[in-house]
Amino acid sequence: MKHSIYIFLFCFTYMLHAQNIHEKTFSEGDISTISINGKNVFKITVDTKPVHEITVHSRVEGENNENIVLVTETKNSNLYIAVKKQPLFVDANDKLSAHKVISVEVNLVIPEHLSMGINLYESDLIVNGNYKSVSVNSDSGNCFFNAFYGDAKIYTRDGNIAVQTNKANIIATSKNGDIKQEEIDSGSHEIIIKTINGNVTVSKSQ
């Protein structure tokens, strides 16, 4: 029994040391746009709610998590968000590096009807809610827009794109992928979807 307890405590302590959690809060104030640099990030999730503050939550998992930092800056009504490596940090390049892989997730809760620009690399993006506009440029990351309302421009090279929305005019193109598009009600919002190799799915939200 004692042996089992020791094992549990060891594993629990290891898990705590193997992850790094940060949270920052900003007053909505004069912030009208949010810019996110998705480099070094595994997944980004953004939710809108009827609130008056912006909450940025990051979770870094992996043995070298202390070498990854959440960077934020406000300037000219824009909130810039990025995850960066410490200047002196060098990735492990040995046979033991497999278990040292760092996983970074960033979650945002923001007021409704803000504008947002996101640059992705391998990050997956999940966007939920009401926005003024959203602009996304992605390399291989997949983009999921759920119950989305607002203008949007979504560009990927290899990433798939799935948009659930209504009352919008949608232009969707894929050079080498498949497009599945349900009929939705037209509206004042415009959503432009372009991908080279990714698949596109458009569905109607209730």
Protein backbone atom coordinates (compact mmCIF):
# COMPACT_ATOMS: atom_id res chain seq x y z
CA MET A 1 0.00 0.00 0.00
CA LYS A 2 2.77 2.42 0.99
CA HIS A 3 4.66 1.46 -2.17
CA SER A 4 1.64 2.43 -4.30
CA ILE A 5 1.31 5.77 -2.49
CA TYR A 6 4.98 6.57 -3.09
CA ILE A 7 4.62 5.78 -6.78
CA PHE A 8 1.54 8.02 -7.03
CA LEU A 9 3.27 10.91 -5.24
CA PHE A 10 6.34 10.55 -7.45
CA CYS A 11 4.28 10.56 -10.64
CA PHE A 12 2.17 13.51 -9.44
CA THR A 13 5.27 15.52 -8.52
CA TYR A 14 6.88 14.71 -11.87
CA MET A 15 3.79 15.87 -13.74
CA LEU A 16 3.82 19.18 -11.86
CA HIS A 17 7.47 19.77 -12.71
CA ALA A 18 6.94 18.66 -16.32
CA GLN A 19 4.46 21.43 -17.07
CA ASN A 20 4.53 25.20 -16.88
CA ILE A 21 1.28 27.19 -16.70
CA HIS A 22 0.91 30.95 -17.13
CA GLU A 23 -2.12 33.21 -17.25
CA LYS A 24 -2.32 36.91 -18.10
CA THR A 25 -5.35 39.18 -18.05
CA PHE A 26 -5.84 42.45 -19.93
CA SER A 27 -8.63 45.00 -19.68
CA GLU A 28 -10.51 45.36 -22.95
CA GLY A 29 -9.84 49.11 -22.74
CA ASP A 30 -8.37 50.41 -25.97
CA ILE A 31 -7.57 46.96 -27.42
CA SER A 32 -9.40 46.43 -30.69
CA THR A 33 -7.17 43.86 -32.39
CA ILE A 34 -5.26 40.76 -31.33
CA SER A 35 -2.22 39.38 -33.18
CA ILE A 36 -1.01 35.85 -32.48
CA ASN A 37 2.27 34.31 -33.61
CA GLY A 38 1.73 30.56 -33.61
CA LYS A 39 5.39 29.55 -33.87
CA ASN A 40 6.38 26.99 -31.19
CA VAL A 41 2.70 26.35 -30.38
CA PHE A 42 0.93 22.99 -30.77
CA LYS A 43 -2.67 24.20 -30.42
CA ILE A 44 -4.44 27.56 -30.13
CA THR A 45 -8.03 27.89 -28.92
CA VAL A 46 -9.96 31.17 -28.90
CA ASP A 47 -13.42 31.65 -27.38
CA THR A 48 -15.51 34.82 -27.30
CA LYS A 49 -17.76 35.62 -24.35
CA PRO A 50 -19.73 38.68 -23.13
CA VAL A 51 -16.81 39.87 -20.98
CA HIS A 52 -14.72 43.04 -20.76
CA GLU A 53 -11.28 41.52 -20.38
CA ILE A 54 -8.90 39.34 -22.35
CA THR A 55 -7.50 36.23 -20.68
CA VAL A 56 -4.46 34.47 -22.14
CA HIS A 57 -3.65 31.04 -20.71
CA SER A 58 -0.62 29.01 -21.77
CA ARG A 59 0.40 25.50 -20.80
CA VAL A 60 3.80 24.10 -21.63
CA GLU A 61 4.48 20.39 -21.11
CA GLY A 62 7.86 18.70 -21.40
CA GLU A 63 11.14 18.35 -19.57
CA ASN A 64 12.45 21.72 -20.79
CA ASN A 65 9.23 23.65 -20.20
CA GLU A 66 10.98 26.34 -18.13
CA ASN A 67 12.78 27.46 -21.30
CA ILE A 68 9.53 28.43 -23.05
CA VAL A 69 7.93 31.78 -22.17
CA LEU A 70 4.63 33.50 -22.98
CA VAL A 71 5.26 36.92 -24.52
CA THR A 72 2.61 39.66 -24.69
CA GLU A 73 2.79 43.29 -25.76
CA THR A 74 0.17 46.01 -26.18
CA LYS A 75 0.79 48.79 -28.68
CA ASN A 76 -1.45 51.00 -30.81
CA SER A 77 -4.68 49.25 -29.71
CA ASN A 78 -3.17 45.85 -30.58
CA LEU A 79 -2.38 42.96 -28.23
CA TYR A 80 0.49 40.83 -29.53
CA ILE A 81 0.83 37.26 -28.25
CA ALA A 82 3.65 34.79 -28.88
CA VAL A 83 5.47 31.87 -27.30
CA LYS A 84 9.24 32.07 -27.49
CA LYS A 85 12.27 30.06 -26.41
CA GLN A 86 14.76 31.51 -23.97
CA PRO A 87 17.75 32.99 -25.90
CA LEU A 88 20.25 30.48 -24.48
CA PHE A 89 18.01 27.42 -24.87
CA VAL A 90 19.25 24.78 -27.34
CA ASP A 91 17.03 21.84 -28.27
CA ALA A 92 18.33 18.44 -27.22
CA ASN A 93 19.76 16.47 -30.10
CA ASP A 94 20.49 13.09 -28.62
CA LYS A 95 18.92 9.64 -28.33
CA LEU A 96 17.11 10.65 -25.15
CA SER A 97 15.45 13.71 -26.69
CA ALA A 98 12.23 11.86 -27.60
CA HIS A 99 10.83 12.19 -24.08
CA LYS A 100 11.89 15.85 -23.95
CA VAL A 101 9.42 16.97 -26.62
CA ILE A 102 7.72 20.20 -25.61
CA SER A 103 3.98 20.64 -26.16
CA VAL A 104 2.59 24.17 -25.97
CA GLU A 105 -1.09 25.12 -25.88
CA VAL A 106 -2.48 28.66 -25.79
CA ASN A 107 -6.10 29.39 -24.83
CA LEU A 108 -7.77 32.78 -25.08
CA VAL A 109 -11.09 34.07 -23.80
CA ILE A 110 -11.86 37.46 -25.34
CA PRO A 111 -14.77 39.91 -25.67
CA GLU A 112 -17.05 39.58 -28.67
CA HIS A 113 -16.61 41.56 -31.90
CA LEU A 114 -12.84 42.06 -31.81
CA SER A 115 -10.53 41.64 -34.82
CA MET A 116 -7.86 38.97 -34.76
CA GLY A 117 -4.89 38.04 -36.96
CA ILE A 118 -3.08 34.71 -36.58
CA ASN A 119 0.02 33.29 -38.23
CA LEU A 120 0.30 29.51 -37.87
CA TYR A 121 3.01 27.02 -38.69
CA GLU A 122 2.17 23.52 -37.46
CA SER A 123 -0.36 24.70 -34.88
CA ASP A 124 -3.98 23.60 -34.94
CA LEU A 125 -6.43 26.46 -34.46
CA ILE A 126 -9.89 26.34 -32.89
CA VAL A 127 -12.01 29.50 -33.10
CA ASN A 128 -15.42 29.75 -31.42
CA GLY A 129 -17.89 32.64 -31.26
CA ASN A 130 -18.53 36.15 -32.57
CA TYR A 131 -15.84 38.36 -34.09
CA LYS A 132 -15.53 41.53 -36.12
CA SER A 133 -12.98 39.82 -38.36
CA VAL A 134 -10.44 37.00 -38.29
CA SER A 135 -7.45 36.59 -40.60
CA VAL A 136 -5.45 33.34 -40.60
CA ASN A 137 -2.32 32.34 -42.50
CA SER A 138 -1.31 28.72 -41.90
CA ASP A 139 1.34 26.36 -43.18
CA SER A 140 0.33 22.84 -42.13
CA GLY A 141 -1.93 23.57 -39.15
CA ASN A 142 -5.63 22.71 -39.35
CA CYS A 143 -8.27 25.39 -38.73
CA PHE A 144 -11.63 24.75 -37.05
CA PHE A 145 -14.22 27.54 -36.83
CA ASN A 146 -17.21 26.53 -34.68
CA ALA A 147 -20.47 28.52 -34.41
CA PHE A 148 -18.50 31.33 -36.02
CA TYR A 149 -20.00 34.71 -36.87
CA GLY A 150 -17.98 37.51 -38.48
CA ASP A 151 -15.78 38.23 -41.47
CA ALA A 152 -12.87 35.87 -42.09
CA LYS A 153 -9.97 35.23 -44.44
CA ILE A 154 -8.47 31.77 -43.95
CA TYR A 155 -5.43 30.70 -45.96
CA THR A 156 -3.51 27.42 -45.58
CA ARG A 157 -0.93 25.51 -47.56
CA ASP A 158 -1.47 21.95 -46.28
CA GLY A 159 -3.87 22.45 -43.38
CA ASN A 160 -7.52 21.41 -43.55
CA ILE A 161 -10.23 24.00 -42.91
CA ALA A 162 -13.63 23.37 -41.30
CA VAL A 163 -16.06 26.25 -40.82
CA GLN A 164 -19.44 26.06 -39.10
CA THR A 165 -21.39 29.28 -39.63
CA ASN A 166 -24.55 30.87 -41.00
CA LYS A 167 -25.74 34.11 -42.59
CA ALA A 168 -22.54 34.69 -44.52
CA ASN A 169 -21.28 34.80 -48.07
CA ILE A 170 -18.59 32.16 -48.52
CA ILE A 171 -15.97 31.73 -51.22
CA ALA A 172 -14.07 28.45 -50.79
CA THR A 173 -11.29 27.13 -53.04
CA SER A 174 -8.78 24.28 -52.79
CA LYS A 175 -6.23 23.62 -55.52
CA ASN A 176 -5.58 19.96 -54.71
CA GLY A 177 -8.01 19.11 -51.90
CA ASP A 178 -11.72 18.34 -51.62
CA ILE A 179 -14.50 20.80 -50.80
CA LYS A 180 -17.70 19.84 -48.98
CA GLN A 181 -20.02 22.81 -48.61
CA GLU A 182 -23.52 22.84 -47.18
CA GLU A 183 -25.96 25.52 -48.26
CA ILE A 184 -26.20 28.27 -45.67
CA ASP A 185 -28.23 31.46 -45.41
CA SER A 186 -26.66 34.51 -47.03
CA GLY A 187 -25.81 37.50 -44.88
CA SER A 188 -23.61 40.54 -44.45
CA HIS A 189 -20.47 38.65 -43.39
CA GLU A 190 -17.88 37.50 -45.92
CA ILE A 191 -15.72 34.42 -45.41
CA ILE A 192 -12.91 33.67 -47.86
CA ILE A 193 -11.29 30.23 -47.65
CA LYS A 194 -8.26 29.30 -49.73
CA THR A 195 -5.95 26.29 -49.45
CA ILE A 196 -3.46 24.60 -51.73
CA ASN A 197 -3.46 21.00 -50.49
CA GLY A 198 -5.98 21.02 -47.64
CA ASN A 199 -9.60 19.89 -47.60
CA VAL A 200 -12.44 22.32 -46.88
CA THR A 201 -15.68 21.60 -45.02
CA VAL A 202 -18.40 24.23 -44.61
CA SER A 203 -21.46 23.42 -42.51
CA LYS A 204 -24.46 25.39 -41.29
CA SER A 205 -24.65 26.33 -37.62
CA GLN A 206 -27.98 26.60 -35.85
